[in-house]
Amino acid sequence: MASFTTQIQIHDEKLGDDYTLRDEMQRRGFTRTIKGSDAVYLLPEATYNFVGDLDEQAVYDKAMQAVTALGRTGGIIVTRSAGRIIGGLTKA
């Protein structure tokens, strides 16, 4: 299974959109946490983790569906992980 980091910037964000986006992303299998070697950590704002047997385009499409569900547009970056180093994040 591949791991992906996804960052989203909502255009014309309205109050409460961040909470609604979190719900929409969670419905599509994204989490706001990442597992390190010693603990589970919270990701920075507007950053999500996805683990699954998909490619970058499919993960992007899932994220875009979440943004579209808000009735907004947004910028999205999806990166497939080839390895991660975690530091300075808050433990979940």
N, C-alpha and C. Protein backbone atom coordinates (compact mmCIF):
# COMPACT_ATOMS: atom_id res chain seq x y z
N MET A 1 0.84 -1.19 0.00
CA MET A 1 0.00 0.00 0.00
C MET A 1 0.87 1.24 0.00
N ALA A 2 0.44 2.23 -0.70
CA ALA A 2 1.18 3.50 -0.78
C ALA A 2 0.62 4.50 0.23
N SER A 3 1.48 5.42 0.67
CA SER A 3 1.08 6.52 1.56
C SER A 3 1.21 7.82 0.79
N PHE A 4 0.25 8.71 0.98
CA PHE A 4 0.22 9.98 0.29
C PHE A 4 0.00 11.12 1.29
N THR A 5 0.70 12.21 1.08
CA THR A 5 0.43 13.44 1.82
C THR A 5 -0.31 14.36 0.88
N THR A 6 -1.42 14.91 1.35
CA THR A 6 -2.25 15.79 0.53
C THR A 6 -2.45 17.11 1.26
N GLN A 7 -2.17 18.21 0.57
CA GLN A 7 -2.38 19.54 1.13
C GLN A 7 -3.43 20.25 0.29
N ILE A 8 -4.31 20.97 0.98
CA ILE A 8 -5.41 21.64 0.29
C ILE A 8 -5.48 23.10 0.75
N GLN A 9 -5.63 23.99 -0.22
CA GLN A 9 -5.88 25.40 0.06
C GLN A 9 -7.23 25.75 -0.56
N ILE A 10 -8.21 26.03 0.28
CA ILE A 10 -9.55 26.39 -0.19
C ILE A 10 -9.54 27.85 -0.64
N HIS A 11 -10.06 28.09 -1.84
CA HIS A 11 -10.19 29.46 -2.34
C HIS A 11 -11.48 30.06 -1.76
N ASP A 12 -11.44 31.32 -1.40
CA ASP A 12 -12.60 32.02 -0.83
C ASP A 12 -13.18 31.27 0.35
N GLU A 13 -12.31 30.84 1.25
CA GLU A 13 -12.73 30.05 2.41
C GLU A 13 -13.67 30.85 3.32
N LYS A 14 -14.70 30.19 3.76
CA LYS A 14 -15.69 30.78 4.66
C LYS A 14 -15.53 30.13 6.04
N LEU A 15 -16.02 30.81 7.04
CA LEU A 15 -15.96 30.31 8.41
C LEU A 15 -16.59 28.92 8.49
N GLY A 16 -15.87 27.98 9.05
CA GLY A 16 -16.37 26.62 9.21
C GLY A 16 -16.01 25.67 8.09
N ASP A 17 -15.47 26.20 6.98
CA ASP A 17 -15.11 25.33 5.85
C ASP A 17 -14.06 24.30 6.24
N ASP A 18 -13.13 24.68 7.12
CA ASP A 18 -12.07 23.74 7.50
C ASP A 18 -12.64 22.51 8.20
N TYR A 19 -13.66 22.72 9.03
CA TYR A 19 -14.29 21.58 9.72
C TYR A 19 -15.08 20.70 8.73
N THR A 20 -15.78 21.35 7.82
CA THR A 20 -16.54 20.61 6.83
C THR A 20 -15.60 19.84 5.92
N LEU A 21 -14.48 20.47 5.54
CA LEU A 21 -13.50 19.78 4.70
C LEU A 21 -12.94 18.56 5.41
N ARG A 22 -12.64 18.69 6.68
CA ARG A 22 -12.13 17.54 7.45
C ARG A 22 -13.12 16.39 7.41
N ASP A 23 -14.40 16.69 7.57
CA ASP A 23 -15.43 15.65 7.52
C ASP A 23 -15.48 15.00 6.14
N GLU A 24 -15.45 15.83 5.10
CA GLU A 24 -15.51 15.31 3.73
C GLU A 24 -14.29 14.46 3.41
N MET A 25 -13.12 14.90 3.85
CA MET A 25 -11.90 14.13 3.61
C MET A 25 -11.94 12.81 4.36
N GLN A 26 -12.41 12.84 5.61
CA GLN A 26 -12.51 11.61 6.40
C GLN A 26 -13.44 10.60 5.73
N ARG A 27 -14.55 11.07 5.17
CA ARG A 27 -15.49 10.18 4.47
C ARG A 27 -14.82 9.48 3.28
N ARG A 28 -13.77 10.10 2.76
CA ARG A 28 -13.07 9.56 1.60
C ARG A 28 -11.79 8.81 1.97
N GLY A 29 -11.60 8.57 3.27
CA GLY A 29 -10.49 7.73 3.71
C GLY A 29 -9.22 8.46 4.13
N PHE A 30 -9.26 9.80 4.18
CA PHE A 30 -8.10 10.58 4.60
C PHE A 30 -8.10 10.74 6.11
N THR A 31 -6.92 10.89 6.69
CA THR A 31 -6.81 11.15 8.12
C THR A 31 -6.00 12.42 8.32
N ARG A 32 -6.08 12.98 9.52
CA ARG A 32 -5.28 14.16 9.89
C ARG A 32 -4.12 13.76 10.78
N THR A 33 -3.84 12.46 10.81
CA THR A 33 -2.73 11.95 11.62
C THR A 33 -1.78 11.14 10.75
N ILE A 34 -0.58 10.95 11.28
CA ILE A 34 0.42 10.15 10.60
C ILE A 34 1.15 9.32 11.66
N LYS A 35 1.44 8.08 11.31
CA LYS A 35 2.10 7.18 12.26
C LYS A 35 3.61 7.27 12.11
N GLY A 36 4.26 7.63 13.20
CA GLY A 36 5.72 7.63 13.24
C GLY A 36 6.21 6.33 13.84
N SER A 37 7.51 6.21 14.02
CA SER A 37 8.07 4.98 14.57
C SER A 37 7.75 4.80 16.05
N ASP A 38 7.44 5.92 16.72
CA ASP A 38 7.21 5.85 18.17
C ASP A 38 5.83 6.31 18.61
N ALA A 39 5.06 6.96 17.72
CA ALA A 39 3.76 7.51 18.12
C ALA A 39 2.97 7.90 16.88
N VAL A 40 1.74 8.32 17.11
CA VAL A 40 0.89 8.88 16.07
C VAL A 40 0.88 10.39 16.27
N TYR A 41 1.03 11.14 15.18
CA TYR A 41 1.16 12.58 15.25
C TYR A 41 0.06 13.28 14.46
N LEU A 42 -0.30 14.49 14.91
CA LEU A 42 -1.24 15.34 14.19
C LEU A 42 -0.50 16.04 13.06
N LEU A 43 -1.12 16.09 11.91
CA LEU A 43 -0.54 16.78 10.76
C LEU A 43 -0.83 18.28 10.84
N PRO A 44 -0.03 19.10 10.18
CA PRO A 44 -0.31 20.55 10.13
C PRO A 44 -1.67 20.81 9.49
N GLU A 45 -2.20 21.99 9.74
CA GLU A 45 -3.51 22.37 9.17
C GLU A 45 -3.54 22.16 7.66
N ALA A 46 -4.69 21.74 7.18
CA ALA A 46 -4.95 21.55 5.74
C ALA A 46 -4.06 20.48 5.11
N THR A 47 -3.52 19.59 5.94
CA THR A 47 -2.68 18.50 5.46
C THR A 47 -3.32 17.18 5.87
N TYR A 48 -3.37 16.24 4.95
CA TYR A 48 -4.05 14.97 5.17
C TYR A 48 -3.15 13.82 4.76
N ASN A 49 -3.41 12.66 5.34
CA ASN A 49 -2.70 11.44 5.01
C ASN A 49 -3.69 10.46 4.40
N PHE A 50 -3.25 9.76 3.37
CA PHE A 50 -4.06 8.70 2.77
C PHE A 50 -3.17 7.50 2.54
N VAL A 51 -3.65 6.33 2.95
CA VAL A 51 -2.92 5.08 2.72
C VAL A 51 -3.86 4.16 1.95
N GLY A 52 -3.39 3.67 0.81
CA GLY A 52 -4.24 2.78 0.02
C GLY A 52 -3.57 2.35 -1.27
N ASP A 53 -4.27 1.51 -1.98
CA ASP A 53 -3.78 0.97 -3.25
C ASP A 53 -4.29 1.81 -4.42
N LEU A 54 -3.98 3.10 -4.39
CA LEU A 54 -4.38 4.01 -5.45
C LEU A 54 -3.13 4.69 -6.00
N ASP A 55 -3.30 5.39 -7.12
CA ASP A 55 -2.20 6.21 -7.63
C ASP A 55 -2.47 7.67 -7.27
N GLU A 56 -1.52 8.53 -7.61
CA GLU A 56 -1.63 9.95 -7.25
C GLU A 56 -2.89 10.59 -7.82
N GLN A 57 -3.23 10.27 -9.05
CA GLN A 57 -4.41 10.86 -9.68
C GLN A 57 -5.69 10.48 -8.94
N ALA A 58 -5.81 9.23 -8.55
CA ALA A 58 -7.01 8.78 -7.83
C ALA A 58 -7.13 9.47 -6.47
N VAL A 59 -6.01 9.66 -5.78
CA VAL A 59 -6.02 10.35 -4.49
C VAL A 59 -6.39 11.82 -4.71
N TYR A 60 -5.83 12.44 -5.73
CA TYR A 60 -6.18 13.81 -6.08
C TYR A 60 -7.68 13.92 -6.35
N ASP A 61 -8.22 13.00 -7.13
CA ASP A 61 -9.65 13.03 -7.46
C ASP A 61 -10.51 12.94 -6.20
N LYS A 62 -10.12 12.10 -5.24
CA LYS A 62 -10.86 12.00 -3.97
C LYS A 62 -10.82 13.32 -3.22
N ALA A 63 -9.66 13.95 -3.18
CA ALA A 63 -9.54 15.24 -2.50
C ALA A 63 -10.37 16.31 -3.20
N MET A 64 -10.35 16.31 -4.53
CA MET A 64 -11.14 17.28 -5.29
C MET A 64 -12.63 17.09 -5.04
N GLN A 65 -13.08 15.85 -4.90
CA GLN A 65 -14.48 15.59 -4.58
C GLN A 65 -14.85 16.22 -3.24
N ALA A 66 -13.95 16.16 -2.27
CA ALA A 66 -14.20 16.75 -0.95
C ALA A 66 -14.30 18.27 -1.06
N VAL A 67 -13.40 18.88 -1.83
CA VAL A 67 -13.44 20.33 -2.02
C VAL A 67 -14.73 20.73 -2.74
N THR A 68 -15.08 20.00 -3.78
CA THR A 68 -16.29 20.29 -4.54
C THR A 68 -17.54 20.17 -3.67
N ALA A 69 -17.54 19.23 -2.72
CA ALA A 69 -18.68 19.05 -1.81
C ALA A 69 -18.90 20.30 -0.95
N LEU A 70 -17.86 21.12 -0.77
CA LEU A 70 -17.99 22.37 -0.03
C LEU A 70 -18.62 23.47 -0.88
N GLY A 71 -18.67 23.24 -2.19
CA GLY A 71 -19.13 24.28 -3.10
C GLY A 71 -18.04 25.32 -3.34
N ARG A 72 -16.80 24.91 -3.19
CA ARG A 72 -15.66 25.80 -3.35
C ARG A 72 -14.69 25.23 -4.38
N THR A 73 -13.70 26.03 -4.70
CA THR A 73 -12.57 25.56 -5.48
C THR A 73 -11.35 25.59 -4.56
N GLY A 74 -10.29 24.93 -4.98
CA GLY A 74 -9.11 24.92 -4.14
C GLY A 74 -7.90 24.41 -4.87
N GLY A 75 -6.76 24.67 -4.27
CA GLY A 75 -5.51 24.13 -4.76
C GLY A 75 -5.18 22.87 -3.99
N ILE A 76 -4.70 21.86 -4.69
CA ILE A 76 -4.43 20.55 -4.08
C ILE A 76 -3.06 20.06 -4.54
N ILE A 77 -2.29 19.57 -3.58
CA ILE A 77 -1.03 18.91 -3.89
C ILE A 77 -1.08 17.51 -3.29
N VAL A 78 -0.79 16.50 -4.09
CA VAL A 78 -0.72 15.12 -3.63
C VAL A 78 0.69 14.62 -3.87
N THR A 79 1.31 14.09 -2.83
CA THR A 79 2.66 13.55 -2.93
C THR A 79 2.68 12.12 -2.42
N ARG A 80 3.18 11.20 -3.24
CA ARG A 80 3.35 9.81 -2.81
C ARG A 80 4.63 9.74 -1.99
N SER A 81 4.55 9.09 -0.84
CA SER A 81 5.71 9.01 0.04
C SER A 81 6.64 7.88 -0.38
N ALA A 82 7.92 8.21 -0.43
CA ALA A 82 8.96 7.20 -0.65
C ALA A 82 9.75 7.01 0.64
N GLY A 83 9.23 7.57 1.72
CA GLY A 83 9.85 7.54 3.03
C GLY A 83 9.62 8.87 3.71
N ARG A 84 9.50 8.85 5.03
CA ARG A 84 9.19 10.08 5.76
C ARG A 84 10.05 10.18 7.00
N ILE A 85 10.38 11.40 7.34
CA ILE A 85 10.98 11.72 8.62
C ILE A 85 10.03 12.69 9.30
N ILE A 86 9.65 12.42 10.53
CA ILE A 86 8.69 13.22 11.26
C ILE A 86 9.38 13.88 12.43
N GLY A 87 9.20 15.17 12.57
CA GLY A 87 9.78 15.88 13.70
C GLY A 87 8.98 17.11 14.04
N GLY A 88 8.88 17.41 15.31
CA GLY A 88 8.24 18.63 15.77
C GLY A 88 6.73 18.66 15.71
N LEU A 89 6.09 17.57 15.36
CA LEU A 89 4.64 17.52 15.33
C LEU A 89 4.10 17.13 16.70
N THR A 90 2.85 17.54 16.97
CA THR A 90 2.19 17.21 18.22
C THR A 90 1.68 15.78 18.18
N LYS A 91 1.90 15.05 19.27
CA LYS A 91 1.37 13.68 19.34
C LYS A 91 -0.15 13.73 19.41
N ALA A 92 -0.77 12.78 18.73
CA ALA A 92 -2.24 12.71 18.70
C ALA A 92 -2.75 12.11 19.98
